Amino acid sequence: NDYAKYAGDTAAFGQDVLGETLTDDIVEVMESVRENPVTVAKSANGTGKTHAAARICAWFYFSFTDAKIFTAAAPPENNLRTLLWGELGSVYEQHPALFDGHRITDLNISRNKQSFIAGLTIPAAGTPAQREARFSGKHAPHMLFIVDEGDAVPEEVYRGIESCMSGGFARLLILFNPRHEAGP
């Protein structure tokens, strides 16, 4: 299938390919990721941010055959595994044919070495420089970073991500609940 036709229409991918009815708020977040280098989705618990992020991840991965997608969540690692990757798992379970021929391992889905979805854990220990380095040095013609529980992610992680967004079609989606007015 040629999913490249959905590169300019995130909502149509969700509706046509995933067969989902999307709320206006979810469509707004999806369109923002398509149009803006940085999208911040701030809302209460249970509003569908992480659900939407998994659909955005699938849209990006299938629409751009050279896509590199890096996902992260604030520590502990269980946040990444159960929240965002749990939702990615639901996309896979509902649409296994989409992933035919793709390699699926722990926190990684890939079509080849140059195009993948990877879950990156944020080290709880180590120096700020080590945490920044974990997210630096990544480049691709089409690149997406998704950060869940973003208000609790250390500033150095964002510095590392920012250093990767200078070329190509690079996007950053940050999701969080407005618990306090602090952090990057």
N, C-alpha and C. Protein backbone atom coordinates (compact mmCIF):
# COMPACT_ATOMS: atom_id res chain seq x y z
N ASN A 1 0.84 -1.20 0.00
CA ASN A 1 0.00 0.00 0.00
C ASN A 1 0.87 1.24 0.00
N ASP A 2 0.35 2.26 -0.64
CA ASP A 2 1.08 3.53 -0.70
C ASP A 2 0.48 4.50 0.32
N TYR A 3 1.07 4.51 1.50
CA TYR A 3 0.58 5.39 2.56
C TYR A 3 1.15 6.79 2.45
N ALA A 4 2.07 7.02 1.52
CA ALA A 4 2.65 8.35 1.34
C ALA A 4 1.57 9.38 1.02
N LYS A 5 0.48 8.95 0.44
CA LYS A 5 -0.60 9.89 0.12
C LYS A 5 -1.20 10.51 1.39
N TYR A 6 -0.94 9.91 2.56
CA TYR A 6 -1.45 10.45 3.82
C TYR A 6 -0.48 11.40 4.51
N ALA A 7 0.68 11.63 3.91
CA ALA A 7 1.68 12.50 4.54
C ALA A 7 1.11 13.88 4.86
N GLY A 8 0.20 14.35 4.04
CA GLY A 8 -0.40 15.67 4.26
C GLY A 8 -1.75 15.63 4.94
N ASP A 9 -2.21 14.45 5.36
CA ASP A 9 -3.54 14.35 5.96
C ASP A 9 -3.56 13.30 7.06
N THR A 10 -3.15 13.73 8.23
CA THR A 10 -3.05 12.82 9.38
C THR A 10 -4.41 12.26 9.76
N ALA A 11 -5.44 13.08 9.75
CA ALA A 11 -6.77 12.62 10.15
C ALA A 11 -7.28 11.55 9.19
N ALA A 12 -7.04 11.73 7.90
CA ALA A 12 -7.49 10.73 6.92
C ALA A 12 -6.79 9.40 7.16
N PHE A 13 -5.51 9.41 7.56
CA PHE A 13 -4.82 8.17 7.90
C PHE A 13 -5.54 7.49 9.05
N GLY A 14 -5.85 8.25 10.09
CA GLY A 14 -6.55 7.68 11.24
C GLY A 14 -7.90 7.11 10.87
N GLN A 15 -8.61 7.80 10.01
CA GLN A 15 -9.95 7.35 9.63
C GLN A 15 -9.91 6.24 8.58
N ASP A 16 -9.15 6.45 7.51
CA ASP A 16 -9.15 5.50 6.39
C ASP A 16 -8.36 4.22 6.70
N VAL A 17 -7.16 4.38 7.23
CA VAL A 17 -6.28 3.23 7.44
C VAL A 17 -6.57 2.54 8.77
N LEU A 18 -6.72 3.34 9.84
CA LEU A 18 -6.94 2.75 11.16
C LEU A 18 -8.42 2.55 11.48
N GLY A 19 -9.29 3.15 10.65
CA GLY A 19 -10.73 2.96 10.84
C GLY A 19 -11.26 3.56 12.12
N GLU A 20 -10.68 4.66 12.56
CA GLU A 20 -11.07 5.27 13.83
C GLU A 20 -11.82 6.58 13.61
N THR A 21 -12.72 6.87 14.52
CA THR A 21 -13.39 8.15 14.56
C THR A 21 -12.60 9.01 15.54
N LEU A 22 -12.11 10.13 15.06
CA LEU A 22 -11.23 10.97 15.87
C LEU A 22 -11.97 12.21 16.35
N THR A 23 -11.71 12.59 17.60
CA THR A 23 -12.32 13.81 18.12
C THR A 23 -11.63 15.02 17.50
N ASP A 24 -12.29 16.16 17.57
CA ASP A 24 -11.71 17.39 17.03
C ASP A 24 -10.39 17.73 17.71
N ASP A 25 -10.30 17.50 19.02
CA ASP A 25 -9.05 17.79 19.75
C ASP A 25 -7.91 16.91 19.26
N ILE A 26 -8.19 15.65 19.02
CA ILE A 26 -7.16 14.72 18.53
C ILE A 26 -6.71 15.12 17.13
N VAL A 27 -7.66 15.47 16.28
CA VAL A 27 -7.32 15.92 14.93
C VAL A 27 -6.46 17.18 14.99
N GLU A 28 -6.77 18.07 15.92
CA GLU A 28 -5.98 19.30 16.07
C GLU A 28 -4.53 18.99 16.44
N VAL A 29 -4.33 18.05 17.35
CA VAL A 29 -2.96 17.66 17.73
C VAL A 29 -2.25 17.02 16.53
N MET A 30 -2.94 16.14 15.83
CA MET A 30 -2.34 15.47 14.67
C MET A 30 -1.93 16.48 13.61
N GLU A 31 -2.79 17.43 13.33
CA GLU A 31 -2.48 18.44 12.32
C GLU A 31 -1.35 19.35 12.78
N SER A 32 -1.29 19.63 14.07
CA SER A 32 -0.21 20.46 14.59
C SER A 32 1.14 19.77 14.39
N VAL A 33 1.19 18.46 14.64
CA VAL A 33 2.44 17.73 14.44
C VAL A 33 2.84 17.80 12.97
N ARG A 34 1.87 17.68 12.09
CA ARG A 34 2.18 17.74 10.65
C ARG A 34 2.71 19.12 10.26
N GLU A 35 2.16 20.18 10.84
CA GLU A 35 2.46 21.54 10.41
C GLU A 35 3.55 22.25 11.19
N ASN A 36 3.82 21.85 12.42
CA ASN A 36 4.72 22.60 13.30
C ASN A 36 5.88 21.74 13.80
N PRO A 37 7.06 22.34 13.90
CA PRO A 37 8.20 21.58 14.43
C PRO A 37 7.98 21.06 15.85
N VAL A 38 7.29 21.84 16.68
CA VAL A 38 7.05 21.43 18.07
C VAL A 38 5.56 21.56 18.37
N THR A 39 5.01 20.50 18.94
CA THR A 39 3.62 20.50 19.41
C THR A 39 3.61 20.08 20.86
N VAL A 40 2.94 20.87 21.69
CA VAL A 40 2.80 20.56 23.11
C VAL A 40 1.33 20.27 23.36
N ALA A 41 1.05 19.06 23.83
CA ALA A 41 -0.33 18.66 24.13
C ALA A 41 -0.46 18.56 25.65
N LYS A 42 -1.11 19.54 26.22
CA LYS A 42 -1.29 19.63 27.67
C LYS A 42 -2.77 19.47 27.97
N SER A 43 -3.11 18.44 28.75
CA SER A 43 -4.49 18.27 29.17
C SER A 43 -4.56 17.32 30.35
N ALA A 44 -5.74 17.14 30.87
CA ALA A 44 -5.95 16.29 32.03
C ALA A 44 -5.74 14.82 31.70
N ASN A 45 -5.74 14.00 32.74
CA ASN A 45 -5.65 12.55 32.56
C ASN A 45 -6.85 12.03 31.78
N GLY A 46 -6.63 10.97 31.00
CA GLY A 46 -7.72 10.27 30.36
C GLY A 46 -8.38 10.98 29.20
N THR A 47 -7.69 11.94 28.59
CA THR A 47 -8.30 12.68 27.48
C THR A 47 -7.89 12.14 26.11
N GLY A 48 -6.98 11.19 26.07
CA GLY A 48 -6.60 10.57 24.80
C GLY A 48 -5.29 11.04 24.22
N LYS A 49 -4.46 11.75 24.99
CA LYS A 49 -3.18 12.22 24.47
C LYS A 49 -2.29 11.08 24.01
N THR A 50 -2.12 10.09 24.86
CA THR A 50 -1.22 8.98 24.53
C THR A 50 -1.83 8.12 23.41
N HIS A 51 -3.12 7.94 23.43
CA HIS A 51 -3.82 7.24 22.34
C HIS A 51 -3.52 7.95 21.02
N ALA A 52 -3.66 9.28 21.01
CA ALA A 52 -3.39 10.07 19.80
C ALA A 52 -1.92 9.96 19.40
N ALA A 53 -1.02 9.98 20.38
CA ALA A 53 0.41 9.92 20.07
C ALA A 53 0.76 8.62 19.34
N ALA A 54 0.16 7.52 19.73
CA ALA A 54 0.42 6.24 19.06
C ALA A 54 -0.09 6.28 17.62
N ARG A 55 -1.22 6.94 17.39
CA ARG A 55 -1.75 7.05 16.03
C ARG A 55 -0.90 8.00 15.19
N ILE A 56 -0.40 9.05 15.80
CA ILE A 56 0.52 9.97 15.11
C ILE A 56 1.81 9.22 14.74
N CYS A 57 2.29 8.41 15.66
CA CYS A 57 3.48 7.60 15.42
C CYS A 57 3.26 6.69 14.21
N ALA A 58 2.12 6.00 14.17
CA ALA A 58 1.81 5.11 13.05
C ALA A 58 1.69 5.90 11.75
N TRP A 59 1.01 7.04 11.79
CA TRP A 59 0.87 7.89 10.60
C TRP A 59 2.24 8.27 10.04
N PHE A 60 3.13 8.74 10.92
CA PHE A 60 4.45 9.19 10.50
C PHE A 60 5.26 8.03 9.91
N TYR A 61 5.24 6.91 10.61
CA TYR A 61 6.02 5.74 10.19
C TYR A 61 5.57 5.21 8.82
N PHE A 62 4.28 5.15 8.60
CA PHE A 62 3.79 4.60 7.34
C PHE A 62 3.76 5.63 6.22
N SER A 63 3.64 6.90 6.54
CA SER A 63 3.59 7.94 5.50
C SER A 63 4.95 8.29 4.93
N PHE A 64 5.99 8.13 5.74
CA PHE A 64 7.35 8.47 5.33
C PHE A 64 8.21 7.21 5.43
N THR A 65 8.58 6.63 4.30
CA THR A 65 9.30 5.35 4.32
C THR A 65 10.72 5.46 4.86
N ASP A 66 11.20 6.70 5.03
CA ASP A 66 12.54 6.91 5.60
C ASP A 66 12.47 7.48 7.03
N ALA A 67 11.33 7.29 7.68
CA ALA A 67 11.09 7.87 9.00
C ALA A 67 11.89 7.18 10.10
N LYS A 68 12.41 8.01 10.99
CA LYS A 68 12.98 7.53 12.25
C LYS A 68 12.16 8.20 13.35
N ILE A 69 11.61 7.38 14.22
CA ILE A 69 10.76 7.88 15.30
C ILE A 69 11.37 7.42 16.62
N PHE A 70 11.56 8.38 17.51
CA PHE A 70 12.11 8.10 18.83
C PHE A 70 11.07 8.46 19.87
N THR A 71 10.72 7.50 20.71
CA THR A 71 9.73 7.73 21.75
C THR A 71 10.40 7.65 23.11
N ALA A 72 9.90 8.45 24.04
CA ALA A 72 10.44 8.44 25.40
C ALA A 72 9.32 8.85 26.35
N ALA A 73 9.50 8.53 27.60
CA ALA A 73 8.58 8.96 28.65
C ALA A 73 9.40 9.18 29.91
N ALA A 74 8.90 10.04 30.76
CA ALA A 74 9.59 10.30 32.02
C ALA A 74 9.77 9.01 32.79
N PRO A 75 10.90 8.88 33.51
CA PRO A 75 11.11 7.69 34.33
C PRO A 75 9.97 7.53 35.34
N PRO A 76 9.66 6.31 35.73
CA PRO A 76 10.38 5.08 35.46
C PRO A 76 10.09 4.55 34.05
N GLU A 77 10.91 3.60 33.62
CA GLU A 77 10.79 3.01 32.28
C GLU A 77 9.39 2.45 32.02
N ASN A 78 8.72 2.03 33.07
CA ASN A 78 7.38 1.48 32.94
C ASN A 78 6.41 2.47 32.27
N ASN A 79 6.64 3.78 32.45
CA ASN A 79 5.81 4.79 31.77
C ASN A 79 5.88 4.61 30.25
N LEU A 80 7.07 4.39 29.75
CA LEU A 80 7.25 4.20 28.31
C LEU A 80 6.60 2.89 27.86
N ARG A 81 6.86 1.84 28.58
CA ARG A 81 6.37 0.51 28.19
C ARG A 81 4.85 0.39 28.27
N THR A 82 4.25 0.85 29.34
CA THR A 82 2.82 0.62 29.53
C THR A 82 1.95 1.70 28.90
N LEU A 83 2.43 2.92 28.85
CA LEU A 83 1.59 4.00 28.31
C LEU A 83 1.73 4.07 26.79
N LEU A 84 2.78 4.69 26.31
CA LEU A 84 2.93 4.92 24.87
C LEU A 84 3.07 3.62 24.09
N TRP A 85 3.93 2.71 24.54
CA TRP A 85 4.10 1.46 23.81
C TRP A 85 2.91 0.53 24.01
N GLY A 86 2.18 0.71 25.07
CA GLY A 86 0.92 -0.02 25.22
C GLY A 86 -0.06 0.40 24.14
N GLU A 87 -0.13 1.71 23.88
CA GLU A 87 -1.01 2.20 22.81
C GLU A 87 -0.50 1.79 21.44
N LEU A 88 0.82 1.80 21.23
CA LEU A 88 1.35 1.30 19.96
C LEU A 88 1.01 -0.18 19.78
N GLY A 89 1.06 -0.92 20.86
CA GLY A 89 0.67 -2.33 20.81
C GLY A 89 -0.78 -2.50 20.39
N SER A 90 -1.64 -1.58 20.83
CA SER A 90 -3.05 -1.69 20.43
C SER A 90 -3.22 -1.41 18.93
N VAL A 91 -2.40 -0.52 18.38
CA VAL A 91 -2.45 -0.28 16.93
C VAL A 91 -2.05 -1.56 16.22
N TYR A 92 -0.99 -2.21 16.68
CA TYR A 92 -0.53 -3.45 16.08
C TYR A 92 -1.60 -4.55 16.20
N GLU A 93 -2.17 -4.70 17.38
CA GLU A 93 -3.18 -5.75 17.59
C GLU A 93 -4.41 -5.55 16.71
N GLN A 94 -4.80 -4.30 16.50
CA GLN A 94 -5.98 -4.02 15.68
C GLN A 94 -5.68 -4.09 14.18
N HIS A 95 -4.40 -3.92 13.80
CA HIS A 95 -4.03 -3.86 12.39
C HIS A 95 -2.72 -4.61 12.12
N PRO A 96 -2.67 -5.89 12.42
CA PRO A 96 -1.41 -6.61 12.24
C PRO A 96 -0.93 -6.63 10.78
N ALA A 97 -1.83 -6.58 9.82
CA ALA A 97 -1.43 -6.59 8.41
C ALA A 97 -0.59 -5.37 8.05
N LEU A 98 -0.81 -4.24 8.74
CA LEU A 98 0.00 -3.04 8.49
C LEU A 98 1.48 -3.33 8.72
N PHE A 99 1.75 -4.21 9.66
CA PHE A 99 3.12 -4.45 10.09
C PHE A 99 3.74 -5.69 9.45
N ASP A 100 3.06 -6.29 8.47
CA ASP A 100 3.64 -7.44 7.77
C ASP A 100 4.99 -7.05 7.18
N GLY A 101 5.99 -7.87 7.41
CA GLY A 101 7.33 -7.61 6.88
C GLY A 101 8.17 -6.68 7.73
N HIS A 102 7.62 -6.18 8.82
CA HIS A 102 8.35 -5.29 9.72
C HIS A 102 8.87 -6.12 10.89
N ARG A 103 10.03 -5.76 11.36
CA ARG A 103 10.63 -6.47 12.49
C ARG A 103 10.15 -5.80 13.77
N ILE A 104 9.63 -6.60 14.69
CA ILE A 104 9.12 -6.07 15.96
C ILE A 104 9.85 -6.76 17.10
N THR A 105 10.56 -5.97 17.89
CA THR A 105 11.27 -6.47 19.07
C THR A 105 10.94 -5.55 20.23
N ASP A 106 11.59 -5.75 21.34
CA ASP A 106 11.33 -4.95 22.53
C ASP A 106 11.59 -3.46 22.27
N LEU A 107 10.56 -2.66 22.35
CA LEU A 107 10.62 -1.21 22.13
C LEU A 107 11.22 -0.84 20.78
N ASN A 108 10.94 -1.65 19.76
CA ASN A 108 11.44 -1.34 18.43
C ASN A 108 10.56 -1.99 17.36
N ILE A 109 10.19 -1.18 16.40
CA ILE A 109 9.50 -1.65 15.19
C ILE A 109 10.32 -1.09 14.05
N SER A 110 10.71 -1.95 13.09
CA SER A 110 11.53 -1.43 12.01
C SER A 110 11.17 -2.06 10.68
N ARG A 111 11.31 -1.23 9.64
CA ARG A 111 11.18 -1.76 8.28
C ARG A 111 12.56 -2.06 7.73
N ASN A 112 13.59 -1.35 8.23
CA ASN A 112 14.99 -1.59 7.90
C ASN A 112 15.82 -0.80 8.91
N LYS A 113 17.14 -0.80 8.73
CA LYS A 113 18.01 -0.11 9.70
C LYS A 113 17.87 1.40 9.65
N GLN A 114 17.31 1.92 8.58
CA GLN A 114 17.18 3.37 8.43
C GLN A 114 15.79 3.90 8.70
N SER A 115 14.83 3.03 8.98
CA SER A 115 13.46 3.47 9.22
C SER A 115 12.84 2.62 10.32
N PHE A 116 12.49 3.28 11.44
CA PHE A 116 12.04 2.53 12.61
C PHE A 116 11.31 3.42 13.59
N ILE A 117 10.69 2.75 14.57
CA ILE A 117 10.14 3.38 15.77
C ILE A 117 10.93 2.77 16.92
N ALA A 118 11.55 3.60 17.72
CA ALA A 118 12.38 3.11 18.83
C ALA A 118 11.95 3.76 20.14
N GLY A 119 11.90 2.97 21.17
CA GLY A 119 11.66 3.48 22.50
C GLY A 119 12.98 3.72 23.20
N LEU A 120 13.21 4.95 23.61
CA LEU A 120 14.45 5.29 24.32
C LEU A 120 14.13 5.55 25.78
N THR A 121 14.82 4.87 26.65
CA THR A 121 14.62 5.11 28.07
C THR A 121 15.49 6.27 28.51
N ILE A 122 15.00 6.99 29.48
CA ILE A 122 15.75 8.10 30.06
C ILE A 122 16.44 7.57 31.31
N PRO A 123 17.76 7.57 31.30
CA PRO A 123 18.47 7.03 32.46
C PRO A 123 18.15 7.81 33.72
N ALA A 124 17.78 7.10 34.76
CA ALA A 124 17.51 7.75 36.04
C ALA A 124 18.82 8.12 36.74
N ALA A 125 19.87 7.36 36.44
CA ALA A 125 21.18 7.65 37.01
C ALA A 125 22.06 8.22 35.91
N GLY A 126 23.21 8.70 36.29
CA GLY A 126 24.13 9.27 35.31
C GLY A 126 24.10 10.78 35.34
N THR A 127 25.00 11.35 34.58
CA THR A 127 25.13 12.80 34.56
C THR A 127 24.16 13.41 33.56
N PRO A 128 23.89 14.70 33.71
CA PRO A 128 23.07 15.38 32.70
C PRO A 128 23.67 15.24 31.29
N ALA A 129 24.99 15.28 31.18
CA ALA A 129 25.63 15.13 29.87
C ALA A 129 25.35 13.76 29.27
N GLN A 130 25.32 12.73 30.09
CA GLN A 130 25.02 11.38 29.60
C GLN A 130 23.56 11.29 29.13
N ARG A 131 22.65 11.92 29.86
CA ARG A 131 21.24 11.91 29.45
C ARG A 131 21.07 12.70 28.15
N GLU A 132 21.75 13.82 28.02
CA GLU A 132 21.67 14.60 26.78
C GLU A 132 22.22 13.80 25.61
N ALA A 133 23.34 13.13 25.82
CA ALA A 133 23.97 12.36 24.74
C ALA A 133 23.06 11.23 24.25
N ARG A 134 22.25 10.66 25.13
CA ARG A 134 21.33 9.57 24.75
C ARG A 134 20.36 10.03 23.68
N PHE A 135 20.06 11.32 23.64
CA PHE A 135 19.09 11.85 22.70
C PHE A 135 19.71 12.72 21.61
N SER A 136 21.01 12.79 21.55
CA SER A 136 21.72 13.59 20.54
C SER A 136 22.17 12.72 19.37
N GLY A 137 22.58 13.38 18.28
CA GLY A 137 23.20 12.70 17.16
C GLY A 137 22.28 11.90 16.27
N LYS A 138 21.01 12.20 16.31
CA LYS A 138 20.04 11.47 15.50
C LYS A 138 19.61 12.36 14.33
N HIS A 139 19.66 11.81 13.14
CA HIS A 139 19.29 12.59 11.96
C HIS A 139 18.63 11.69 10.93
N ALA A 140 17.68 12.22 10.20
CA ALA A 140 16.99 11.50 9.14
C ALA A 140 16.20 12.52 8.33
N PRO A 141 15.86 12.17 7.09
CA PRO A 141 15.04 13.09 6.30
C PRO A 141 13.68 13.37 6.95
N HIS A 142 13.12 12.36 7.64
CA HIS A 142 11.85 12.51 8.35
C HIS A 142 12.03 11.92 9.74
N MET A 143 11.95 12.79 10.75
CA MET A 143 12.22 12.36 12.11
C MET A 143 11.16 12.91 13.05
N LEU A 144 10.70 12.05 13.96
CA LEU A 144 9.69 12.43 14.94
C LEU A 144 10.16 11.98 16.32
N PHE A 145 10.08 12.89 17.28
CA PHE A 145 10.30 12.57 18.69
C PHE A 145 8.96 12.70 19.40
N ILE A 146 8.62 11.72 20.21
CA ILE A 146 7.42 11.79 21.04
C ILE A 146 7.87 11.62 22.49
N VAL A 147 7.52 12.59 23.33
CA VAL A 147 7.89 12.56 24.75
C VAL A 147 6.61 12.58 25.57
N ASP A 148 6.34 11.48 26.25
CA ASP A 148 5.16 11.36 27.11
C ASP A 148 5.55 11.69 28.54
N GLU A 149 4.60 12.19 29.31
CA GLU A 149 4.87 12.66 30.67
C GLU A 149 5.98 13.70 30.64
N GLY A 150 5.91 14.58 29.64
CA GLY A 150 6.99 15.52 29.33
C GLY A 150 7.34 16.52 30.41
N ASP A 151 6.43 16.79 31.33
CA ASP A 151 6.75 17.75 32.40
C ASP A 151 7.77 17.20 33.38
N ALA A 152 7.97 15.89 33.41
CA ALA A 152 8.92 15.28 34.33
C ALA A 152 10.19 14.80 33.62
N VAL A 153 10.38 15.21 32.38
CA VAL A 153 11.56 14.84 31.62
C VAL A 153 12.64 15.89 31.87
N PRO A 154 13.87 15.47 32.16
CA PRO A 154 14.94 16.43 32.45
C PRO A 154 15.24 17.34 31.26
N GLU A 155 15.62 18.56 31.57
CA GLU A 155 15.92 19.57 30.54
C GLU A 155 16.99 19.10 29.56
N GLU A 156 17.97 18.34 30.03
CA GLU A 156 19.05 17.91 29.14
C GLU A 156 18.54 16.98 28.03
N VAL A 157 17.46 16.26 28.27
CA VAL A 157 16.88 15.42 27.22
C VAL A 157 16.35 16.31 26.10
N TYR A 158 15.68 17.39 26.46
CA TYR A 158 15.17 18.32 25.45
C TYR A 158 16.31 18.99 24.68
N ARG A 159 17.42 19.29 25.37
CA ARG A 159 18.58 19.85 24.66
C ARG A 159 19.10 18.87 23.62
N GLY A 160 19.19 17.60 23.99
CA GLY A 160 19.63 16.57 23.05
C GLY A 160 18.70 16.46 21.85
N ILE A 161 17.40 16.47 22.09
CA ILE A 161 16.41 16.40 21.00
C ILE A 161 16.53 17.62 20.12
N GLU A 162 16.60 18.79 20.73
CA GLU A 162 16.69 20.04 19.95
C GLU A 162 17.90 20.02 19.01
N SER A 163 19.00 19.43 19.45
CA SER A 163 20.20 19.40 18.61
C SER A 163 20.00 18.54 17.36
N CYS A 164 19.00 17.70 17.36
CA CYS A 164 18.73 16.80 16.22
C CYS A 164 17.74 17.38 15.22
N MET A 165 17.13 18.50 15.54
CA MET A 165 16.01 18.99 14.75
C MET A 165 16.39 20.07 13.74
N SER A 166 17.65 20.13 13.36
CA SER A 166 18.10 21.22 12.50
C SER A 166 17.93 20.95 11.01
N GLY A 167 17.70 19.72 10.62
CA GLY A 167 17.60 19.44 9.19
C GLY A 167 16.44 18.52 8.88
N GLY A 168 16.01 18.52 7.65
CA GLY A 168 14.94 17.65 7.22
C GLY A 168 13.59 18.04 7.81
N PHE A 169 12.69 17.09 7.82
CA PHE A 169 11.34 17.26 8.35
C PHE A 169 11.35 16.67 9.74
N ALA A 170 11.66 17.47 10.74
CA ALA A 170 11.79 17.01 12.12
C ALA A 170 10.65 17.56 12.96
N ARG A 171 10.07 16.70 13.77
CA ARG A 171 8.94 17.07 14.61
C ARG A 171 9.15 16.56 16.03
N LEU A 172 8.59 17.31 16.99
CA LEU A 172 8.63 16.94 18.40
C LEU A 172 7.22 17.10 18.95
N LEU A 173 6.70 16.03 19.55
CA LEU A 173 5.41 16.04 20.23
C LEU A 173 5.67 15.79 21.70
N ILE A 174 5.24 16.73 22.54
CA ILE A 174 5.38 16.60 23.99
C ILE A 174 3.98 16.50 24.59
N LEU A 175 3.77 15.50 25.42
CA LEU A 175 2.48 15.27 26.07
C LEU A 175 2.67 15.37 27.58
N PHE A 176 1.74 16.04 28.26
CA PHE A 176 1.81 16.04 29.72
C PHE A 176 0.52 16.54 30.33
N ASN A 177 0.39 16.23 31.63
CA ASN A 177 -0.72 16.72 32.44
C ASN A 177 -0.24 17.97 33.17
N PRO A 178 -1.04 19.01 33.22
CA PRO A 178 -0.60 20.27 33.86
C PRO A 178 -0.63 20.20 35.38
N ARG A 179 0.35 19.49 35.93
CA ARG A 179 0.41 19.33 37.39
C ARG A 179 1.07 20.51 38.08
N HIS A 180 2.07 21.10 37.44
CA HIS A 180 2.74 22.24 38.05
C HIS A 180 3.42 23.06 36.96
N GLU A 181 3.66 24.31 37.27
CA GLU A 181 4.30 25.24 36.32
C GLU A 181 5.80 25.21 36.51
N ALA A 182 6.44 24.16 35.97
CA ALA A 182 7.89 24.02 36.10
C ALA A 182 8.41 23.17 34.97
N GLY A 183 9.71 23.24 34.75
CA GLY A 183 10.36 22.41 33.75
C GLY A 183 10.43 23.08 32.38
N PRO A 184 11.17 22.45 31.49
CA PRO A 184 11.38 23.03 30.15
C PRO A 184 10.10 23.09 29.36
